Amino acid sequence: MIKQEFLERINALSDVFMLASLCQFKYIQTISEPNERNFVVGLAGGHTVFGAPNQYDEFIDKYLTWLEMR
């Protein structure tokens, strides 16, 4: 389990989000709709990251904010 201090530092970065593992926004290719178990983020290079349904809104908000700032 990642320490809360590290999670806060990760969340403060504008271009990353902590899901099942670290998700860097610049590598995102696909984002699925959440179901009752998870949602899936496809990254460049064939990597897949999973998020919990309760993380979806916060993830999308931060990702859209990042896109708008580019």
N, C-alpha and C. Protein backbone atom coordinates (compact mmCIF):
# COMPACT_ATOMS: atom_id res chain seq x y z
N MET A 1 0.84 -1.18 0.00
CA MET A 1 0.00 0.00 0.00
C MET A 1 0.89 1.24 0.00
N ILE A 2 0.51 2.21 -0.80
CA ILE A 2 1.28 3.45 -0.92
C ILE A 2 0.90 4.38 0.23
N LYS A 3 1.92 5.01 0.80
CA LYS A 3 1.70 5.94 1.90
C LYS A 3 0.86 7.12 1.43
N GLN A 4 0.03 7.64 2.30
CA GLN A 4 -0.83 8.79 2.00
C GLN A 4 -0.01 9.99 1.51
N GLU A 5 1.14 10.19 2.11
CA GLU A 5 2.01 11.30 1.71
C GLU A 5 2.39 11.20 0.24
N PHE A 6 2.72 9.98 -0.21
CA PHE A 6 3.09 9.79 -1.61
C PHE A 6 1.89 9.98 -2.52
N LEU A 7 0.72 9.49 -2.10
CA LEU A 7 -0.49 9.68 -2.90
C LEU A 7 -0.81 11.16 -3.07
N GLU A 8 -0.65 11.94 -2.02
CA GLU A 8 -0.91 13.37 -2.10
C GLU A 8 0.07 14.04 -3.07
N ARG A 9 1.32 13.62 -3.04
CA ARG A 9 2.31 14.18 -3.96
C ARG A 9 2.01 13.79 -5.40
N ILE A 10 1.59 12.55 -5.62
CA ILE A 10 1.22 12.09 -6.96
C ILE A 10 0.02 12.87 -7.46
N ASN A 11 -1.00 13.02 -6.61
CA ASN A 11 -2.20 13.74 -7.02
C ASN A 11 -1.94 15.21 -7.30
N ALA A 12 -0.90 15.77 -6.71
CA ALA A 12 -0.55 17.17 -6.95
C ALA A 12 0.11 17.37 -8.31
N LEU A 13 0.65 16.32 -8.90
CA LEU A 13 1.25 16.43 -10.24
C LEU A 13 0.14 16.60 -11.26
N SER A 14 0.34 17.50 -12.20
CA SER A 14 -0.73 17.79 -13.15
C SER A 14 -0.93 16.70 -14.20
N ASP A 15 0.05 15.85 -14.46
CA ASP A 15 -0.06 14.92 -15.58
C ASP A 15 -0.07 13.44 -15.20
N VAL A 16 -0.35 13.13 -13.94
CA VAL A 16 -0.43 11.73 -13.53
C VAL A 16 -1.63 11.51 -12.60
N PHE A 17 -2.05 10.26 -12.51
CA PHE A 17 -3.12 9.88 -11.60
C PHE A 17 -2.83 8.47 -11.13
N MET A 18 -3.08 8.21 -9.87
CA MET A 18 -2.83 6.88 -9.31
C MET A 18 -4.10 6.05 -9.39
N LEU A 19 -4.09 5.05 -10.25
CA LEU A 19 -5.19 4.08 -10.31
C LEU A 19 -4.64 2.79 -9.71
N ALA A 20 -4.82 1.66 -10.37
CA ALA A 20 -4.21 0.42 -9.87
C ALA A 20 -2.69 0.54 -9.93
N SER A 21 -2.21 1.37 -10.84
CA SER A 21 -0.81 1.77 -10.91
C SER A 21 -0.79 3.19 -11.46
N LEU A 22 0.37 3.76 -11.60
CA LEU A 22 0.48 5.14 -12.03
C LEU A 22 0.06 5.28 -13.49
N CYS A 23 -0.80 6.25 -13.77
CA CYS A 23 -1.29 6.50 -15.11
C CYS A 23 -0.80 7.88 -15.55
N GLN A 24 0.04 7.93 -16.57
CA GLN A 24 0.53 9.20 -17.09
C GLN A 24 -0.37 9.62 -18.26
N PHE A 25 -0.93 10.81 -18.15
CA PHE A 25 -1.93 11.27 -19.11
C PHE A 25 -1.43 11.31 -20.55
N LYS A 26 -0.16 11.64 -20.76
CA LYS A 26 0.33 11.78 -22.13
C LYS A 26 0.36 10.46 -22.89
N TYR A 27 0.22 9.33 -22.19
CA TYR A 27 0.24 8.03 -22.85
C TYR A 27 -1.15 7.41 -23.02
N ILE A 28 -2.20 8.10 -22.61
CA ILE A 28 -3.56 7.54 -22.69
C ILE A 28 -4.02 7.45 -24.13
N GLN A 29 -4.55 6.28 -24.49
CA GLN A 29 -5.13 6.08 -25.82
C GLN A 29 -6.63 5.82 -25.73
N THR A 30 -7.07 5.09 -24.70
CA THR A 30 -8.50 4.78 -24.55
C THR A 30 -8.89 4.84 -23.08
N ILE A 31 -10.16 5.16 -22.85
CA ILE A 31 -10.75 5.13 -21.51
C ILE A 31 -12.12 4.50 -21.64
N SER A 32 -12.37 3.44 -20.90
CA SER A 32 -13.68 2.79 -20.96
C SER A 32 -14.64 3.46 -19.97
N GLU A 33 -15.91 3.20 -20.17
CA GLU A 33 -16.92 3.60 -19.20
C GLU A 33 -16.79 2.68 -17.98
N PRO A 34 -17.07 3.18 -16.78
CA PRO A 34 -16.98 2.29 -15.61
C PRO A 34 -18.15 1.31 -15.57
N ASN A 35 -17.88 0.14 -15.05
CA ASN A 35 -18.95 -0.81 -14.74
C ASN A 35 -18.97 -1.00 -13.23
N GLU A 36 -19.62 -2.01 -12.73
CA GLU A 36 -19.72 -2.18 -11.28
C GLU A 36 -18.40 -2.60 -10.63
N ARG A 37 -17.41 -3.03 -11.44
CA ARG A 37 -16.13 -3.49 -10.88
C ARG A 37 -14.95 -2.56 -11.14
N ASN A 38 -14.89 -1.96 -12.36
CA ASN A 38 -13.72 -1.15 -12.70
C ASN A 38 -13.96 -0.33 -13.96
N PHE A 39 -12.96 0.42 -14.35
CA PHE A 39 -12.87 0.98 -15.70
C PHE A 39 -11.44 0.77 -16.16
N VAL A 40 -11.24 0.82 -17.46
CA VAL A 40 -9.96 0.46 -18.05
C VAL A 40 -9.39 1.65 -18.82
N VAL A 41 -8.12 1.92 -18.60
CA VAL A 41 -7.41 2.95 -19.34
C VAL A 41 -6.32 2.25 -20.15
N GLY A 42 -6.41 2.39 -21.48
CA GLY A 42 -5.40 1.82 -22.35
C GLY A 42 -4.31 2.85 -22.62
N LEU A 43 -3.07 2.44 -22.42
CA LEU A 43 -1.94 3.34 -22.61
C LEU A 43 -1.13 2.93 -23.83
N ALA A 44 -0.38 3.87 -24.37
CA ALA A 44 0.51 3.58 -25.49
C ALA A 44 1.47 2.46 -25.10
N GLY A 45 1.82 1.64 -26.04
CA GLY A 45 2.71 0.53 -25.76
C GLY A 45 1.99 -0.71 -25.30
N GLY A 46 0.65 -0.67 -25.27
CA GLY A 46 -0.12 -1.84 -24.91
C GLY A 46 -0.36 -2.04 -23.43
N HIS A 47 0.05 -1.10 -22.61
CA HIS A 47 -0.18 -1.22 -21.17
C HIS A 47 -1.64 -0.91 -20.84
N THR A 48 -2.15 -1.54 -19.82
CA THR A 48 -3.51 -1.34 -19.37
C THR A 48 -3.49 -1.04 -17.88
N VAL A 49 -4.26 -0.02 -17.50
CA VAL A 49 -4.38 0.35 -16.09
C VAL A 49 -5.85 0.29 -15.71
N PHE A 50 -6.14 -0.24 -14.53
CA PHE A 50 -7.51 -0.38 -14.07
C PHE A 50 -7.78 0.61 -12.94
N GLY A 51 -8.99 1.12 -12.93
CA GLY A 51 -9.41 2.01 -11.86
C GLY A 51 -10.70 1.52 -11.24
N ALA A 52 -10.91 1.85 -9.99
CA ALA A 52 -12.16 1.52 -9.30
C ALA A 52 -13.25 2.47 -9.78
N PRO A 53 -14.49 2.02 -9.82
CA PRO A 53 -15.58 2.89 -10.28
C PRO A 53 -15.65 4.21 -9.53
N ASN A 54 -15.34 4.20 -8.23
CA ASN A 54 -15.41 5.44 -7.45
C ASN A 54 -14.28 6.42 -7.78
N GLN A 55 -13.29 6.01 -8.57
CA GLN A 55 -12.20 6.88 -9.00
C GLN A 55 -12.49 7.57 -10.33
N TYR A 56 -13.50 7.10 -11.04
CA TYR A 56 -13.74 7.53 -12.41
C TYR A 56 -13.95 9.04 -12.55
N ASP A 57 -14.87 9.61 -11.78
CA ASP A 57 -15.18 11.04 -11.91
C ASP A 57 -13.96 11.91 -11.62
N GLU A 58 -13.24 11.59 -10.56
CA GLU A 58 -12.04 12.36 -10.22
C GLU A 58 -10.97 12.20 -11.30
N PHE A 59 -10.82 10.99 -11.83
CA PHE A 59 -9.85 10.74 -12.89
C PHE A 59 -10.19 11.54 -14.15
N ILE A 60 -11.44 11.46 -14.59
CA ILE A 60 -11.86 12.17 -15.80
C ILE A 60 -11.72 13.67 -15.61
N ASP A 61 -12.09 14.18 -14.46
CA ASP A 61 -11.97 15.61 -14.20
C ASP A 61 -10.51 16.06 -14.30
N LYS A 62 -9.61 15.32 -13.68
CA LYS A 62 -8.19 15.70 -13.72
C LYS A 62 -7.64 15.55 -15.13
N TYR A 63 -8.03 14.51 -15.85
CA TYR A 63 -7.56 14.31 -17.21
C TYR A 63 -8.05 15.42 -18.14
N LEU A 64 -9.32 15.79 -18.03
CA LEU A 64 -9.85 16.87 -18.87
C LEU A 64 -9.20 18.20 -18.54
N THR A 65 -8.95 18.46 -17.28
CA THR A 65 -8.24 19.67 -16.87
C THR A 65 -6.86 19.71 -17.48
N TRP A 66 -6.17 18.57 -17.46
CA TRP A 66 -4.84 18.48 -18.06
C TRP A 66 -4.91 18.76 -19.56
N LEU A 67 -5.91 18.18 -20.25
CA LEU A 67 -6.05 18.41 -21.69
C LEU A 67 -6.33 19.88 -21.99
N GLU A 68 -7.17 20.50 -21.19
CA GLU A 68 -7.53 21.90 -21.41
C GLU A 68 -6.35 22.85 -21.18
N MET A 69 -5.41 22.45 -20.37
CA MET A 69 -4.25 23.27 -20.07
C MET A 69 -3.15 23.13 -21.11
N ARG A 70 -3.27 22.20 -21.99
CA ARG A 70 -2.21 21.96 -22.99
C ARG A 70 -2.30 22.94 -24.12
